[in-house]
C-alpha atoms as a PDB file:
ATOM      1  CA  UNK A   1     -22.405  10.140   4.117  1.00  0.00           C
ATOM      2  CA  UNK A   2     -24.835   7.263   4.055  1.00  0.00           C
ATOM      3  CA  UNK A   3     -22.260   4.796   5.341  1.00  0.00           C
ATOM      4  CA  UNK A   4     -21.593   3.780   8.914  1.00  0.00           C
ATOM      5  CA  UNK A   5     -18.305   5.645   9.353  1.00  0.00           C
ATOM      6  CA  UNK A   6     -15.631   6.144  11.962  1.00  0.00           C
ATOM      7  CA  UNK A   7     -12.917   8.762  12.284  1.00  0.00           C
ATOM      8  CA  UNK A   8      -9.579   6.937  12.351  1.00  0.00           C
ATOM      9  CA  UNK A   9      -7.087   9.470  13.690  1.00  0.00           C
ATOM     10  CA  UNK A  10      -3.551   8.254  13.068  1.00  0.00           C
ATOM     11  CA  UNK A  11      -0.795   8.738  15.649  1.00  0.00           C
ATOM     12  CA  UNK A  12      -1.564  12.182  17.049  1.00  0.00           C
ATOM     13  CA  UNK A  13       0.938  11.530  19.819  1.00  0.00           C
ATOM     14  CA  UNK A  14       3.202  13.721  21.879  1.00  0.00           C
ATOM     15  CA  UNK A  15       6.266  11.963  20.413  1.00  0.00           C
ATOM     16  CA  UNK A  16       5.456  13.548  17.034  1.00  0.00           C
ATOM     17  CA  UNK A  17       4.105  16.850  18.362  1.00  0.00           C
ATOM     18  CA  UNK A  18       6.959  17.695  20.721  1.00  0.00           C
ATOM     19  CA  UNK A  19      10.697  18.257  20.395  1.00  0.00           C
ATOM     20  CA  UNK A  20      11.901  14.705  19.691  1.00  0.00           C
ATOM     21  CA  UNK A  21      13.861  13.199  16.790  1.00  0.00           C
ATOM     22  CA  UNK A  22      10.469  12.252  15.293  1.00  0.00           C
ATOM     23  CA  UNK A  23       8.943  15.743  15.593  1.00  0.00           C
ATOM     24  CA  UNK A  24       6.461  16.614  12.807  1.00  0.00           C
ATOM     25  CA  UNK A  25       6.207  20.428  12.728  1.00  0.00           C
ATOM     26  CA  UNK A  26       3.118  20.404  10.491  1.00  0.00           C
ATOM     27  CA  UNK A  27       1.157  18.543  13.174  1.00  0.00           C
ATOM     28  CA  UNK A  28       0.461  21.898  14.803  1.00  0.00           C
ATOM     29  CA  UNK A  29      -1.099  23.169  11.543  1.00  0.00           C
ATOM     30  CA  UNK A  30      -3.544  20.274  11.128  1.00  0.00           C
ATOM     31  CA  UNK A  31      -4.485  19.949  14.801  1.00  0.00           C
ATOM     32  CA  UNK A  32      -7.431  22.416  14.690  1.00  0.00           C
ATOM     33  CA  UNK A  33      -9.126  20.439  11.909  1.00  0.00           C
ATOM     34  CA  UNK A  34      -8.554  17.128  13.715  1.00  0.00           C
ATOM     35  CA  UNK A  35      -9.830  18.590  16.976  1.00  0.00           C
ATOM     36  CA  UNK A  36     -12.961  19.813  15.178  1.00  0.00           C
ATOM     37  CA  UNK A  37     -13.842  16.361  13.802  1.00  0.00           C
ATOM     38  CA  UNK A  38     -12.852  14.453  16.950  1.00  0.00           C
ATOM     39  CA  UNK A  39     -14.705  16.779  19.333  1.00  0.00           C
ATOM     40  CA  UNK A  40     -17.901  16.748  17.248  1.00  0.00           C
ATOM     41  CA  UNK A  41     -17.768  12.973  16.788  1.00  0.00           C
ATOM     42  CA  UNK A  42     -15.806  11.617  19.754  1.00  0.00           C
ATOM     43  CA  UNK A  43     -18.009   8.516  19.917  1.00  0.00           C
ATOM     44  CA  UNK A  44     -17.005   7.751  16.309  1.00  0.00           C
ATOM     45  CA  UNK A  45     -13.284   8.435  16.819  1.00  0.00           C
ATOM     46  CA  UNK A  46     -10.534   5.844  17.160  1.00  0.00           C
ATOM     47  CA  UNK A  47      -7.050   7.171  17.908  1.00  0.00           C
ATOM     48  CA  UNK A  48      -4.160   4.953  16.872  1.00  0.00           C
ATOM     49  CA  UNK A  49      -0.898   5.057  18.771  1.00  0.00           C
ATOM     50  CA  UNK A  50       2.427   3.913  17.337  1.00  0.00           C
ATOM     51  CA  UNK A  51       3.985   2.039  20.262  1.00  0.00           C
ATOM     52  CA  UNK A  52       7.712   1.429  20.161  1.00  0.00           C
ATOM     53  CA  UNK A  53       9.294  -1.700  21.650  1.00  0.00           C
ATOM     54  CA  UNK A  54      11.132  -1.762  24.939  1.00  0.00           C
ATOM     55  CA  UNK A  55      14.348  -2.744  23.089  1.00  0.00           C
ATOM     56  CA  UNK A  56      15.293  -3.290  19.419  1.00  0.00           C
ATOM     57  CA  UNK A  57      16.039  -6.947  20.180  1.00  0.00           C
ATOM     58  CA  UNK A  58      12.322  -7.562  20.755  1.00  0.00           C
ATOM     59  CA  UNK A  59      11.597  -6.876  17.091  1.00  0.00           C
ATOM     60  CA  UNK A  60      12.227  -9.133  14.115  1.00  0.00           C
ATOM     61  CA  UNK A  61      13.491  -8.520  10.616  1.00  0.00           C
ATOM     62  CA  UNK A  62      14.067  -4.973   9.482  1.00  0.00           C
ATOM     63  CA  UNK A  63      12.102  -3.600  12.434  1.00  0.00           C
ATOM     64  CA  UNK A  64      15.064  -4.615  14.579  1.00  0.00           C
ATOM     65  CA  UNK A  65      17.425  -2.626  12.330  1.00  0.00           C
ATOM     66  CA  UNK A  66      14.994   0.300  12.380  1.00  0.00           C
ATOM     67  CA  UNK A  67      14.997   0.444  16.169  1.00  0.00           C
ATOM     68  CA  UNK A  68      18.745  -0.051  16.354  1.00  0.00           C
ATOM     69  CA  UNK A  69      18.926   3.184  14.358  1.00  0.00           C
ATOM     70  CA  UNK A  70      16.241   4.816  16.548  1.00  0.00           C
ATOM     71  CA  UNK A  71      17.243   3.273  19.908  1.00  0.00           C
ATOM     72  CA  UNK A  72      16.533   6.582  21.659  1.00  0.00           C
ATOM     73  CA  UNK A  73      12.896   6.151  20.619  1.00  0.00           C
ATOM     74  CA  UNK A  74      12.481   2.749  22.284  1.00  0.00           C
ATOM     75  CA  UNK A  75      10.593   2.571  25.562  1.00  0.00           C
ATOM     76  CA  UNK A  76      13.872   1.655  27.255  1.00  0.00           C
ATOM     77  CA  UNK A  77      15.034   5.268  26.679  1.00  0.00           C
ATOM     78  CA  UNK A  78      11.913   7.256  25.769  1.00  0.00           C
ATOM     79  CA  UNK A  79       9.672   8.952  28.312  1.00  0.00           C
ATOM     80  CA  UNK A  80       6.568   6.709  28.123  1.00  0.00           C
ATOM     81  CA  UNK A  81       4.307   9.744  28.377  1.00  0.00           C
ATOM     82  CA  UNK A  82       5.467  10.798  24.916  1.00  0.00           C
ATOM     83  CA  UNK A  83       3.545   7.855  23.443  1.00  0.00           C
ATOM     84  CA  UNK A  84       0.264   9.329  24.723  1.00  0.00           C
ATOM     85  CA  UNK A  85      -2.263  11.098  22.535  1.00  0.00           C
ATOM     86  CA  UNK A  86      -1.715  14.875  22.525  1.00  0.00           C
ATOM     87  CA  UNK A  87      -3.520  16.642  25.405  1.00  0.00           C
ATOM     88  CA  UNK A  88      -5.860  18.562  23.080  1.00  0.00           C
ATOM     89  CA  UNK A  89      -7.379  15.213  22.031  1.00  0.00           C
ATOM     90  CA  UNK A  90      -6.752  12.944  25.009  1.00  0.00           C
ATOM     91  CA  UNK A  91      -9.656  14.425  26.998  1.00  0.00           C
ATOM     92  CA  UNK A  92     -12.033  12.932  24.389  1.00  0.00           C
ATOM     93  CA  UNK A  93     -11.170   9.397  25.573  1.00  0.00           C
ATOM     94  CA  UNK A  94     -13.759   8.015  26.327  1.00  0.00           C
ATOM     95  CA  UNK A  95     -16.021   7.988  24.389  1.00  0.00           C
ATOM     96  CA  UNK A  96     -13.242   8.054  21.759  1.00  0.00           C
ATOM     97  CA  UNK A  97     -11.173   4.881  21.746  1.00  0.00           C
ATOM     98  CA  UNK A  98      -7.471   4.042  21.459  1.00  0.00           C
ATOM     99  CA  UNK A  99      -5.974   1.339  19.278  1.00  0.00           C
ATOM    100  CA  UNK A 100      -2.276   0.578  19.786  1.00  0.00           C
ATOM    101  CA  UNK A 101      -0.126  -0.701  16.936  1.00  0.00           C
ATOM    102  CA  UNK A 102       3.525  -1.663  16.580  1.00  0.00           C
ATOM    103  CA  UNK A 103       3.796  -1.186  12.801  1.00  0.00           C
ATOM    104  CA  UNK A 104       2.873   1.611  10.428  1.00  0.00           C
ATOM    105  CA  UNK A 105      -0.375  -0.124   9.491  1.00  0.00           C
ATOM    106  CA  UNK A 106      -3.191  -0.540  12.020  1.00  0.00           C
ATOM    107  CA  UNK A 107      -4.422  -3.568  10.054  1.00  0.00           C
ATOM    108  CA  UNK A 108      -1.583  -5.991  10.883  1.00  0.00           C
ATOM    109  CA  UNK A 109      -2.946  -8.655  13.182  1.00  0.00           C
ATOM    110  CA  UNK A 110      -6.547  -8.064  12.160  1.00  0.00           C
ATOM    111  CA  UNK A 111      -7.920  -6.835  15.510  1.00  0.00           C
ATOM    112  CA  UNK A 112      -8.994  -3.395  14.327  1.00  0.00           C
ATOM    113  CA  UNK A 113     -10.734  -4.780  11.247  1.00  0.00           C
ATOM    114  CA  UNK A 114     -12.494  -7.373  13.384  1.00  0.00           C
ATOM    115  CA  UNK A 115     -13.778  -4.686  15.778  1.00  0.00           C
ATOM    116  CA  UNK A 116     -14.941  -2.401  12.975  1.00  0.00           C
ATOM    117  CA  UNK A 117     -16.565  -5.290  11.102  1.00  0.00           C
ATOM    118  CA  UNK A 118     -18.489  -6.282  14.231  1.00  0.00           C
ATOM    119  CA  UNK A 119     -19.802  -2.686  14.335  1.00  0.00           C
ATOM    120  CA  UNK A 120     -20.748  -2.798  10.615  1.00  0.00           C
ATOM    121  CA  UNK A 121     -18.390   0.093   9.814  1.00  0.00           C
ATOM    122  CA  UNK A 122     -17.963   0.514   6.074  1.00  0.00           C
ATOM    123  CA  UNK A 123     -16.262   3.917   5.760  1.00  0.00           C
ATOM    124  CA  UNK A 124     -13.214   5.490   7.389  1.00  0.00           C
ATOM    125  CA  UNK A 125     -12.345   9.167   7.689  1.00  0.00           C
ATOM    126  CA  UNK A 126      -8.569   9.433   8.046  1.00  0.00           C
ATOM    127  CA  UNK A 127      -6.672  12.231   9.765  1.00  0.00           C
ATOM    128  CA  UNK A 128      -3.294  12.493  11.517  1.00  0.00           C
ATOM    129  CA  UNK A 129       0.266  11.707  10.574  1.00  0.00           C
ATOM    130  CA  UNK A 130       2.339  11.033   8.781  1.00  0.00           C
ATOM    131  CA  UNK A 131       0.674  11.218   5.388  1.00  0.00           C
ATOM    132  CA  UNK A 132       3.481   9.348   3.627  1.00  0.00           C
ATOM    133  CA  UNK A 133       3.945   6.648   6.274  1.00  0.00           C
ATOM    134  CA  UNK A 134       1.236   5.613   8.750  1.00  0.00           C
ATOM    135  CA  UNK A 135      -1.676   7.411   7.071  1.00  0.00           C
ATOM    136  CA  UNK A 136      -0.667   5.890   3.742  1.00  0.00           C
ATOM    137  CA  UNK A 137      -0.415   2.416   5.306  1.00  0.00           C
ATOM    138  CA  UNK A 138      -3.824   2.850   6.952  1.00  0.00           C
ATOM    139  CA  UNK A 139      -5.420   4.053   3.708  1.00  0.00           C
ATOM    140  CA  UNK A 140      -4.014   1.271   1.529  1.00  0.00           C
ATOM    141  CA  UNK A 141      -4.908  -1.406   4.076  1.00  0.00           C
ATOM    142  CA  UNK A 142      -8.426  -0.030   4.400  1.00  0.00           C
ATOM    143  CA  UNK A 143      -8.830  -0.073   0.617  1.00  0.00           C
ATOM    144  CA  UNK A 144      -7.642  -3.695   0.534  1.00  0.00           C
ATOM    145  CA  UNK A 145     -10.205  -4.564   3.205  1.00  0.00           C
ATOM    146  CA  UNK A 146     -13.013  -2.946   1.201  1.00  0.00           C
ATOM    147  CA  UNK A 147     -13.697   0.189   3.237  1.00  0.00           C
ATOM    148  CA  UNK A 148     -14.641   3.470   1.625  1.00  0.00           C
ATOM    149  CA  UNK A 149     -11.815   5.823   2.610  1.00  0.00           C
ATOM    150  CA  UNK A 150     -12.001   9.571   3.022  1.00  0.00           C
ATOM    151  CA  UNK A 151      -8.727  11.389   3.675  1.00  0.00           C
ATOM    152  CA  UNK A 152      -9.108  14.904   5.009  1.00  0.00           C
ATOM    153  CA  UNK A 153      -6.354  16.624   3.069  1.00  0.00           C
ATOM    154  CA  UNK A 154      -6.112  19.562   5.510  1.00  0.00           C
ATOM    155  CA  UNK A 155      -6.039  17.232   8.527  1.00  0.00           C
ATOM    156  CA  UNK A 156      -3.061  15.042   7.590  1.00  0.00           C
ATOM    157  CA  UNK A 157       0.580  15.998   7.885  1.00  0.00           C
ATOM    158  CA  UNK A 158       4.131  14.847   7.347  1.00  0.00           C
ATOM    159  CA  UNK A 159       7.645  15.857   8.196  1.00  0.00           C
ATOM    160  CA  UNK A 160       8.432  15.977   4.474  1.00  0.00           C
ATOM    161  CA  UNK A 161       6.366  18.278   2.253  1.00  0.00           C
ATOM    162  CA  UNK A 162       7.372  16.641  -1.028  1.00  0.00           C
ATOM    163  CA  UNK A 163       6.338  13.108  -0.027  1.00  0.00           C
ATOM    164  CA  UNK A 164       3.206  14.421   1.736  1.00  0.00           C
ATOM    165  CA  UNK A 165       2.106  16.065  -1.513  1.00  0.00           C
ATOM    166  CA  UNK A 166       3.082  13.011  -3.589  1.00  0.00           C
ATOM    167  CA  UNK A 167       1.154  10.682  -1.272  1.00  0.00           C
ATOM    168  CA  UNK A 168      -2.011  12.760  -1.543  1.00  0.00           C
ATOM    169  CA  UNK A 169      -1.609  12.854  -5.325  1.00  0.00           C
ATOM    170  CA  UNK A 170      -1.189   9.069  -5.552  1.00  0.00           C
ATOM    171  CA  UNK A 171      -4.130   8.413  -3.241  1.00  0.00           C
ATOM    172  CA  UNK A 172      -6.391  10.843  -5.089  1.00  0.00           C
ATOM    173  CA  UNK A 173      -5.420   9.762  -8.597  1.00  0.00           C
ATOM    174  CA  UNK A 174      -4.800   6.022  -8.359  1.00  0.00           C
ATOM    175  CA  UNK A 175      -7.535   5.127  -5.870  1.00  0.00           C
ATOM    176  CA  UNK A 176     -10.264   7.565  -6.908  1.00  0.00           C
ATOM    177  CA  UNK A 177     -12.987   4.885  -6.916  1.00  0.00           C
ATOM    178  CA  UNK A 178     -12.216   3.760  -3.359  1.00  0.00           C
ATOM    179  CA  UNK A 179     -10.888   6.952  -1.783  1.00  0.00           C
ATOM    180  CA  UNK A 180     -12.008  10.566  -1.605  1.00  0.00           C
ATOM    181  CA  UNK A 181      -9.811  13.521  -0.722  1.00  0.00           C
ATOM    182  CA  UNK A 182     -11.857  16.211   1.008  1.00  0.00           C
ATOM    183  CA  UNK A 183     -11.211  19.215   3.193  1.00  0.00           C
ATOM    184  CA  UNK A 184     -12.491  19.077   6.744  1.00  0.00           C
ATOM    185  CA  UNK A 185     -15.133  21.677   5.893  1.00  0.00           C
ATOM    186  CA  UNK A 186     -16.333  19.655   2.877  1.00  0.00           C
ATOM    187  CA  UNK A 187     -16.600  16.526   5.006  1.00  0.00           C
ATOM    188  CA  UNK A 188     -18.423  18.173   7.903  1.00  0.00           C
ATOM    189  CA  UNK A 189     -20.857  19.919   5.593  1.00  0.00           C
ATOM    190  CA  UNK A 190     -21.683  16.563   3.968  1.00  0.00           C
ATOM    191  CA  UNK A 191     -23.034  15.147   7.239  1.00  0.00           C
END
């Protein structure tokens, strides 16, 4: 790794780790790898948090319909503590940072890219969940913005095995010039 890189850890939040309608059982399996990277490189880690609206009516377009379906996951009904980073990682903040987002992609609005650009970051190491939703959105947006992307295949997870596997296959095959799929061990040994 010659690049100036950061670890962008996607949505490792209690709402996905605990018994909620959005529970991702595989999160438990990838947590040790994520904890290893984040604890070794806390100063290079940015945790994203998917923040739901207070009410569906605050959202526009299809996001409103989405939260009408998932009204129990709005902040009006959800325990706000469930939006926090999981305890095993939260103690790393600071020096690790938090970036809140209201869509799947952390790139909407441009703030994260602006911050990373000001720090001359040119490579992102992606971990977290879900592979086929927010991780995919983060990877594709990062590619569009010109970052080198490394997805740690044993440190990403989804609630759906089939689309998790398909997402990793698409990322590895179609974006092989801009994106590398590595294991956590391969990545750490490359440093």
